[in-house]
Amino acid sequence: MAILIRTRDVPPAQRHDAWRSFVCDNLGPLDVRIAPDAPLRGEIEAGMLGSVGVGRIRTTTPHSVHRTPRLIRGDGSALYRGVLALSGSPLLAQDGRSVQLKRGEFVIYDFARPYELAYDSAVQLAVFSFPHDQMALPPGAASAITAVPITSDSGAGALAAPLLRRVALDLDSYQPASAVRLSAVVMDLVTAAVAERLDHVAALSPESRQQTLLLSVHAFIEQHLGEIDLDPAAVAAAHHISVRYLHRLFESRDTTVSAWIRHRRLERCRQDLADPALRSLPVSAVAARWGLPDSAHFSRLFRRAYGLPPVEFRRERALRSA
């Protein structure tokens, strides 16, 4: 990650203004509030993991940042952000709720709506940014999940929180192709953790609850694509619903459960076949890793979906990147 600002590199008299400028220029328009006589010490780093923005903030100076209605009116950023507490206890407030995070917990907030993020002691935070459409929450769900802590004790949060920590600490070690694949994994796990948490928070309309359930189903499917026995019965059992009700969920999206699983498996295969870092992996191994072990069947499905057999698709992509 690139260091955006390190206060020890800035003369003491200029640190407050420099910190505010870097925060607003790189994180978006924010009202940064620091006591005038507070000695400011800290560091901000930022980078990208595929399409996911990743930042790390370290400071020992108590202060707060505020996203006000006035600042929102002048900025069209449609982003969700997630904050993971690496150390310290930051406080986030949005939508009438506030939460003081413990180490290892993370929380989602909507950058398109007012919020406050405050620290009253030393903290180290990992901050993740992604567009609204990467986590397509149903109507009413966004305001129900903000400022709600997602812990690493159990469920999808137990997978997501350690991965987010590792990504924030090791971002510079990932090759570009690996970063793209890993960003998809990050979004899958964050979406799964959010969908799981939504089941336990504010009541949603029946339509929104159905969409939230579908969000959770999609995330579950993404996590288990490589398992040969992934089928409607397994998906329904994992969500404590009937297979018939699961089929009804997908009918509302003009598809079927099996068709969606097949589509996602083929998409993952397509991504891997286009990835130069995986060129030495046989086509049959790529298909098998995503739950399609029958090579002939996979080749037929792939050609039907993308117009080329998988071997030719890989060769064409290799020629394009040469």
Protein backbone atom coordinates (compact mmCIF):
# COMPACT_ATOMS: atom_id res chain seq x y z
CA MET A 1 0.00 0.00 0.00
CA ALA A 2 1.14 3.53 -0.67
CA ILE A 3 1.69 5.77 2.35
CA LEU A 4 -0.52 8.81 1.83
CA ILE A 5 0.59 10.66 4.92
CA ARG A 6 2.90 10.01 7.85
CA THR A 7 2.76 12.80 10.37
CA ARG A 8 6.41 12.53 11.37
CA ASP A 9 7.28 13.61 7.81
CA VAL A 10 5.24 16.83 8.21
CA PRO A 11 6.27 19.85 10.34
CA PRO A 12 4.19 19.89 13.58
CA ALA A 13 2.50 23.22 12.74
CA GLN A 14 1.19 21.80 9.44
CA ARG A 15 0.08 18.36 10.58
CA HIS A 16 -3.60 19.10 11.29
CA ASP A 17 -4.20 20.73 7.91
CA ALA A 18 -2.19 18.08 6.06
CA TRP A 19 -4.11 15.26 7.75
CA ARG A 20 -7.46 16.83 6.90
CA SER A 21 -6.43 17.36 3.28
CA PHE A 22 -5.25 13.80 2.82
CA VAL A 23 -8.35 12.35 4.45
CA CYS A 24 -10.70 14.39 2.26
CA ASP A 25 -8.70 13.94 -0.94
CA ASN A 26 -8.40 10.17 -0.58
CA LEU A 27 -11.34 9.01 1.51
CA GLY A 28 -13.90 11.55 0.31
CA PRO A 29 -15.34 14.84 1.63
CA LEU A 30 -15.36 14.58 5.43
CA ASP A 31 -15.40 16.95 8.40
CA VAL A 32 -12.31 16.03 10.43
CA ARG A 33 -12.46 17.26 14.01
CA ILE A 34 -9.29 17.35 16.13
CA ALA A 35 -8.68 19.41 19.26
CA PRO A 36 -6.54 22.40 18.15
CA ASP A 37 -3.87 21.72 20.77
CA ALA A 38 -3.75 17.93 20.28
CA PRO A 39 -0.36 16.67 19.02
CA LEU A 40 -1.31 14.72 15.91
CA ARG A 41 0.48 11.45 15.28
CA GLY A 42 -0.56 8.89 12.71
CA GLU A 43 -0.23 7.29 9.31
CA ILE A 44 -2.64 6.50 6.45
CA GLU A 45 -1.96 3.93 3.72
CA ALA A 46 -4.15 2.97 0.77
CA GLY A 47 -4.24 0.52 -2.13
CA MET A 48 -6.56 -1.60 -4.25
CA LEU A 49 -7.49 -5.27 -4.14
CA GLY A 50 -9.09 -5.69 -7.54
CA SER A 51 -12.14 -3.43 -7.38
CA VAL A 52 -12.07 -3.19 -3.57
CA GLY A 53 -10.37 -0.19 -1.99
CA VAL A 54 -8.21 -1.05 1.03
CA GLY A 55 -6.82 1.41 3.55
CA ARG A 56 -5.05 1.25 6.86
CA ILE A 57 -5.20 4.03 9.43
CA ARG A 58 -3.03 4.26 12.53
CA THR A 59 -3.26 7.12 14.98
CA THR A 60 -2.71 7.78 18.68
CA THR A 61 -4.57 11.09 18.60
CA PRO A 62 -8.25 11.19 19.66
CA HIS A 63 -10.38 12.73 16.90
CA SER A 64 -13.46 12.09 14.77
CA VAL A 65 -14.61 12.26 11.17
CA HIS A 66 -18.14 13.25 10.17
CA ARG A 67 -20.02 12.77 6.90
CA THR A 68 -22.60 15.56 7.02
CA PRO A 69 -25.66 16.16 4.79
CA ARG A 70 -23.95 19.21 3.29
CA LEU A 71 -20.90 17.18 2.26
CA ILE A 72 -23.10 14.43 0.81
CA ARG A 73 -25.02 16.91 -1.36
CA GLY A 74 -21.78 17.92 -3.04
CA ASP A 75 -20.51 14.39 -3.60
CA GLY A 76 -22.08 11.51 -5.51
CA SER A 77 -20.07 8.63 -4.02
CA ALA A 78 -22.32 5.54 -3.86
CA LEU A 79 -20.07 3.43 -1.65
CA TYR A 80 -20.34 1.07 1.26
CA ARG A 81 -17.39 0.97 3.59
CA GLY A 82 -16.37 -1.59 6.13
CA VAL A 83 -14.17 -0.84 9.14
CA LEU A 84 -12.25 -3.59 10.89
CA ALA A 85 -10.75 -2.84 14.30
CA LEU A 86 -7.17 -4.15 14.22
CA SER A 87 -6.54 -2.54 17.61
CA GLY A 88 -8.30 -0.02 19.80
CA SER A 89 -12.05 0.62 20.08
CA PRO A 90 -13.37 2.95 17.36
CA LEU A 91 -16.96 4.15 17.56
CA LEU A 92 -19.22 4.28 14.50
CA ALA A 93 -22.63 5.96 14.48
CA GLN A 94 -25.16 5.86 11.62
CA ASP A 95 -28.92 5.55 11.16
CA GLY A 96 -29.66 6.21 14.83
CA ARG A 97 -27.32 3.47 16.08
CA SER A 98 -23.79 3.53 17.43
CA VAL A 99 -21.33 0.74 18.10
CA GLN A 100 -17.94 0.69 19.79
CA LEU A 101 -16.00 -2.04 18.06
CA LYS A 102 -13.84 -4.56 19.82
CA ARG A 103 -10.64 -5.85 18.31
CA GLY A 104 -11.43 -8.21 15.42
CA GLU A 105 -14.97 -6.90 14.84
CA PHE A 106 -16.02 -5.08 11.72
CA VAL A 107 -18.95 -2.93 10.75
CA ILE A 108 -20.54 -1.71 7.52
CA TYR A 109 -21.57 1.89 6.87
CA ASP A 110 -23.00 3.72 3.89
CA PHE A 111 -20.85 6.57 2.62
CA ALA A 112 -23.90 8.05 0.87
CA ARG A 113 -25.56 8.82 4.23
CA PRO A 114 -24.47 10.79 7.32
CA TYR A 115 -22.26 9.02 9.83
CA GLU A 116 -19.59 9.61 12.48
CA LEU A 117 -16.42 7.61 13.11
CA ALA A 118 -14.56 8.53 16.30
CA TYR A 119 -11.53 7.41 18.30
CA ASP A 120 -10.89 8.43 21.88
CA SER A 121 -7.54 6.59 22.11
CA ALA A 122 -4.96 4.89 19.90
CA VAL A 123 -6.43 2.81 17.07
CA GLN A 124 -5.37 0.84 14.04
CA LEU A 125 -8.14 0.34 11.47
CA ALA A 126 -8.52 -1.42 8.17
CA VAL A 127 -11.02 0.32 5.88
CA PHE A 128 -12.58 -1.34 2.81
CA SER A 129 -14.56 0.47 0.09
CA PHE A 130 -16.81 -1.03 -2.56
CA PRO A 131 -19.61 0.31 -4.79
CA HIS A 132 -23.22 -0.27 -3.77
CA ASP A 133 -23.81 -2.65 -6.64
CA GLN A 134 -21.09 -5.04 -5.43
CA MET A 135 -23.23 -5.78 -2.39
CA ALA A 136 -26.76 -5.52 -3.75
CA LEU A 137 -28.72 -5.14 -0.53
CA PRO A 138 -32.51 -5.25 -0.78
CA PRO A 139 -34.62 -2.13 -0.09
CA GLY A 140 -34.63 -1.30 3.60
CA ALA A 141 -31.71 -3.58 4.34
CA ALA A 142 -28.95 -0.98 4.04
CA SER A 143 -30.31 1.11 6.92
CA ALA A 144 -30.85 -2.05 8.99
CA ILE A 145 -27.25 -3.33 8.81
CA THR A 146 -25.23 -0.12 9.26
CA ALA A 147 -23.53 0.38 12.64
CA VAL A 148 -24.27 -3.25 13.54
CA PRO A 149 -21.13 -5.13 14.65
CA ILE A 150 -20.18 -8.32 12.82
CA THR A 151 -18.09 -10.48 15.10
CA SER A 152 -15.56 -13.18 14.34
CA ASP A 153 -17.09 -15.61 16.85
CA SER A 154 -19.13 -17.74 14.48
CA GLY A 155 -20.76 -18.06 11.07
CA ALA A 156 -19.59 -16.12 8.03
CA GLY A 157 -18.08 -13.44 10.27
CA ALA A 158 -15.60 -16.01 11.59
CA LEU A 159 -14.33 -16.40 8.02
CA ALA A 160 -14.66 -12.79 6.86
CA ALA A 161 -12.96 -10.94 9.74
CA PRO A 162 -9.64 -12.88 9.68
CA LEU A 163 -9.52 -12.63 5.88
CA LEU A 164 -10.06 -8.86 5.98
CA ARG A 165 -7.27 -8.54 8.55
CA ARG A 166 -4.89 -10.62 6.44
CA VAL A 167 -5.70 -8.63 3.30
CA ALA A 168 -5.05 -5.32 5.07
CA LEU A 169 -1.69 -6.51 6.39
CA ASP A 170 -0.47 -8.35 3.28
CA LEU A 171 -1.93 -6.29 0.40
CA ASP A 172 1.46 -5.55 -1.18
CA SER A 173 2.30 -9.24 -1.48
CA TYR A 174 -0.52 -10.12 -3.90
CA GLN A 175 0.08 -10.34 -7.64
CA PRO A 176 -2.52 -8.49 -9.79
CA ALA A 177 -4.23 -11.70 -10.96
CA SER A 178 -4.39 -13.03 -7.40
CA ALA A 179 -5.74 -9.70 -6.16
CA VAL A 180 -8.66 -9.84 -8.60
CA ARG A 181 -9.59 -13.37 -7.53
CA LEU A 182 -9.15 -12.51 -3.87
CA SER A 183 -11.34 -9.42 -4.16
CA ALA A 184 -14.18 -11.69 -5.33
CA VAL A 185 -13.65 -13.92 -2.30
CA VAL A 186 -13.64 -10.89 0.01
CA MET A 187 -16.92 -9.62 -1.44
CA ASP A 188 -18.51 -13.08 -1.23
CA LEU A 189 -17.62 -13.45 2.45
CA VAL A 190 -18.57 -9.89 3.41
CA THR A 191 -21.90 -10.30 1.61
CA ALA A 192 -22.49 -13.62 3.36
CA ALA A 193 -21.68 -12.10 6.76
CA VAL A 194 -23.98 -9.12 6.13
CA ALA A 195 -26.82 -11.35 4.93
CA GLU A 196 -26.40 -13.58 7.97
CA ARG A 197 -26.43 -10.58 10.30
CA LEU A 198 -29.55 -9.18 8.63
CA ASP A 199 -31.45 -12.24 9.82
CA HIS A 200 -30.97 -11.01 13.40
CA VAL A 201 -31.61 -7.28 13.14
CA ALA A 202 -34.44 -4.91 12.34
CA ALA A 203 -37.62 -6.27 10.80
CA LEU A 204 -37.84 -5.92 7.03
CA SER A 205 -40.81 -6.04 4.72
CA PRO A 206 -41.67 -9.53 3.41
CA GLU A 207 -40.25 -8.55 0.01
CA SER A 208 -37.01 -7.27 1.52
CA ARG A 209 -36.66 -10.33 3.75
CA GLN A 210 -37.07 -12.51 0.68
CA GLN A 211 -34.34 -10.55 -1.10
CA THR A 212 -32.11 -10.84 1.95
CA LEU A 213 -32.61 -14.60 1.98
CA LEU A 214 -31.75 -14.73 -1.72
CA LEU A 215 -28.62 -12.70 -1.01
CA SER A 216 -27.61 -15.26 1.61
CA VAL A 217 -28.36 -18.13 -0.78
CA HIS A 218 -26.20 -16.57 -3.50
CA ALA A 219 -23.32 -16.11 -1.05
CA PHE A 220 -23.65 -19.73 0.14
CA ILE A 221 -23.56 -20.98 -3.44
CA GLU A 222 -20.41 -18.93 -4.15
CA GLN A 223 -18.66 -20.45 -1.14
CA HIS A 224 -19.51 -24.03 -2.15
CA LEU A 225 -19.19 -23.98 -5.94
CA GLY A 226 -16.32 -26.46 -5.86
CA GLU A 227 -18.37 -29.12 -4.08
CA ILE A 228 -19.76 -31.71 -6.49
CA ASP A 229 -22.78 -32.40 -4.28
CA LEU A 230 -23.93 -28.77 -4.27
CA ASP A 231 -27.56 -28.96 -5.37
CA PRO A 232 -30.94 -27.40 -4.49
CA ALA A 233 -31.46 -29.81 -1.59
CA ALA A 234 -28.12 -28.88 -0.01
CA VAL A 235 -28.77 -25.15 -0.45
CA ALA A 236 -32.27 -25.40 1.02
CA ALA A 237 -31.09 -27.45 4.00
CA ALA A 238 -28.35 -24.92 4.79
CA HIS A 239 -30.98 -22.17 4.97
CA HIS A 240 -33.66 -24.19 6.80
CA ILE A 241 -36.19 -23.79 4.00
CA SER A 242 -37.95 -26.25 1.71
CA VAL A 243 -36.64 -27.01 -1.76
CA ARG A 244 -39.99 -25.86 -3.10
CA TYR A 245 -39.63 -22.44 -1.44
CA LEU A 246 -36.04 -22.18 -2.71
CA HIS A 247 -37.27 -22.77 -6.26
CA ARG A 248 -39.87 -20.03 -5.78
CA LEU A 249 -37.11 -17.57 -4.80
CA PHE A 250 -35.28 -18.21 -8.05
CA GLU A 251 -38.43 -18.18 -10.16
CA SER A 252 -38.86 -14.55 -9.16
CA ARG A 253 -35.49 -13.91 -10.90
CA ASP A 254 -36.43 -15.85 -14.05
CA THR A 255 -33.94 -18.65 -13.43
CA THR A 256 -33.61 -21.90 -11.51
CA VAL A 257 -31.33 -22.94 -8.66
CA SER A 258 -29.48 -25.46 -10.82
CA ALA A 259 -29.11 -22.98 -13.67
CA TRP A 260 -27.66 -20.38 -11.31
CA ILE A 261 -25.16 -22.86 -9.84
CA ARG A 262 -24.13 -23.90 -13.36
CA HIS A 263 -23.81 -20.25 -14.46
CA ARG A 264 -21.60 -19.35 -11.51
CA ARG A 265 -19.41 -22.42 -11.98
CA LEU A 266 -18.90 -21.59 -15.64
CA GLU A 267 -18.10 -17.98 -14.80
CA ARG A 268 -15.44 -19.05 -12.30
CA CYS A 269 -14.00 -21.44 -14.89
CA ARG A 270 -13.98 -18.65 -17.48
CA GLN A 271 -12.13 -16.35 -15.10
CA ASP A 272 -9.51 -19.00 -14.34
CA LEU A 273 -9.00 -19.90 -18.00
CA ALA A 274 -8.37 -16.23 -18.78
CA ASP A 275 -5.90 -15.90 -15.89
CA PRO A 276 -2.24 -16.02 -17.05
CA ALA A 277 -1.16 -17.16 -13.58
CA LEU A 278 -3.18 -20.38 -14.01
CA ARG A 279 -2.08 -21.20 -17.56
CA SER A 280 -0.20 -24.33 -16.44
CA LEU A 281 -3.31 -25.77 -14.79
CA PRO A 282 -5.04 -28.25 -17.14
CA VAL A 283 -8.50 -27.29 -18.38
CA SER A 284 -9.93 -30.42 -16.74
CA ALA A 285 -8.42 -29.36 -13.39
CA VAL A 286 -9.93 -25.87 -13.72
CA ALA A 287 -13.35 -27.40 -14.33
CA ALA A 288 -13.00 -29.91 -11.49
CA ARG A 289 -12.02 -27.24 -8.95
CA TRP A 290 -15.39 -25.56 -9.63
CA GLY A 291 -17.51 -28.68 -9.35
CA LEU A 292 -17.52 -29.80 -13.02
CA PRO A 293 -15.41 -32.99 -13.09
CA ASP A 294 -16.83 -34.44 -16.35
CA SER A 295 -14.55 -32.89 -19.00
CA ALA A 296 -16.78 -33.65 -21.98
CA HIS A 297 -19.88 -32.30 -20.23
CA PHE A 298 -17.97 -29.21 -19.13
CA SER A 299 -16.71 -28.55 -22.67
CA ARG A 300 -20.26 -28.71 -24.05
CA LEU A 301 -21.59 -26.38 -21.35
CA PHE A 302 -18.74 -23.91 -21.82
CA ARG A 303 -19.12 -23.78 -25.60
CA ARG A 304 -22.86 -23.26 -25.29
CA ALA A 305 -22.33 -20.38 -22.84
CA TYR A 306 -19.36 -18.59 -24.43
CA GLY A 307 -19.28 -19.73 -28.06
CA LEU A 308 -15.88 -21.45 -27.88
CA PRO A 309 -14.57 -24.70 -26.39
CA PRO A 310 -12.58 -24.00 -23.21
CA VAL A 311 -9.22 -24.90 -24.79
CA GLU A 312 -9.76 -22.45 -27.65
CA PHE A 313 -11.05 -19.78 -25.25
CA ARG A 314 -7.86 -20.08 -23.19
CA ARG A 315 -5.66 -19.98 -26.31
CA GLU A 316 -7.43 -16.89 -27.62
CA ARG A 317 -7.05 -15.06 -24.30
CA ALA A 318 -3.36 -15.99 -24.16
CA LEU A 319 -2.81 -14.53 -27.65
CA ARG A 320 -4.59 -11.32 -26.66
CA SER A 321 -2.36 -10.84 -23.62
CA ALA A 322 0.88 -11.76 -25.43
